[in-house]
């Protein structure tokens, strides 16, 4: 019998609000008060800097970011600098790795595999590049991956560019990589993509690979 994973749709929300919710759910998952949980959301435009990141990888000044309404946050995920914004599907899994194998490298591989299989359903060939976490289509990144682990419970996760405004990636050196580009599903397919369809495919593949029964919830108040 498959274990349950609760899926919570947050819609479009502020990065800090989503982060605080992650930390609440993380604490409750460590205490085994709730099952595995997957937050699905989009962020308002924001730049985040991971544990290994530096502000030198933000290529524009504060005045440009203020004009565009793009705040910058330091955060405790792995990786360097990335951008989040509308049209990008973000997944924050709160998983107990005691039930999924205590292997962080395998966890990242599994997140990548979910996205690679999802892209294949749309006729896109995603792949991996050595030493560069995430999913790539040729030399362009389509999905960023960065995780946090506390007491073998995960938080943070992955961000897939579906209908994302790629212009904002020009404000940063994504993940500190200056010689490769960024792309999106809509750019590669030449049309706007049904984001709910992407989410449904993502949930099906995620449940299959992690051996979880994905149970949908709408509001986070059902969990906290």
Foldseek 3Di string as FASTA:
>chain_A
DFAAEEEEEPEEDAPVVVVVLLVVVLVCVLVVVDAKYKYKYFYAKEKEAEPPEDPVQQQDDPVVCVVVVYYYYYDHWDFGMDITHPQKIFMWIFHQCVLVPLDVVVVLVLLQVLVQVLVVVVVAHWDDDPPAGAIDRVQAGQKHFIWDADSRTITGTMIGRAPDPQVVVVRGCHRVPNPGHHDHNCVVVVHHDDVVVSVVSSVVSSCVSRRHDYHYDYHCVVPD
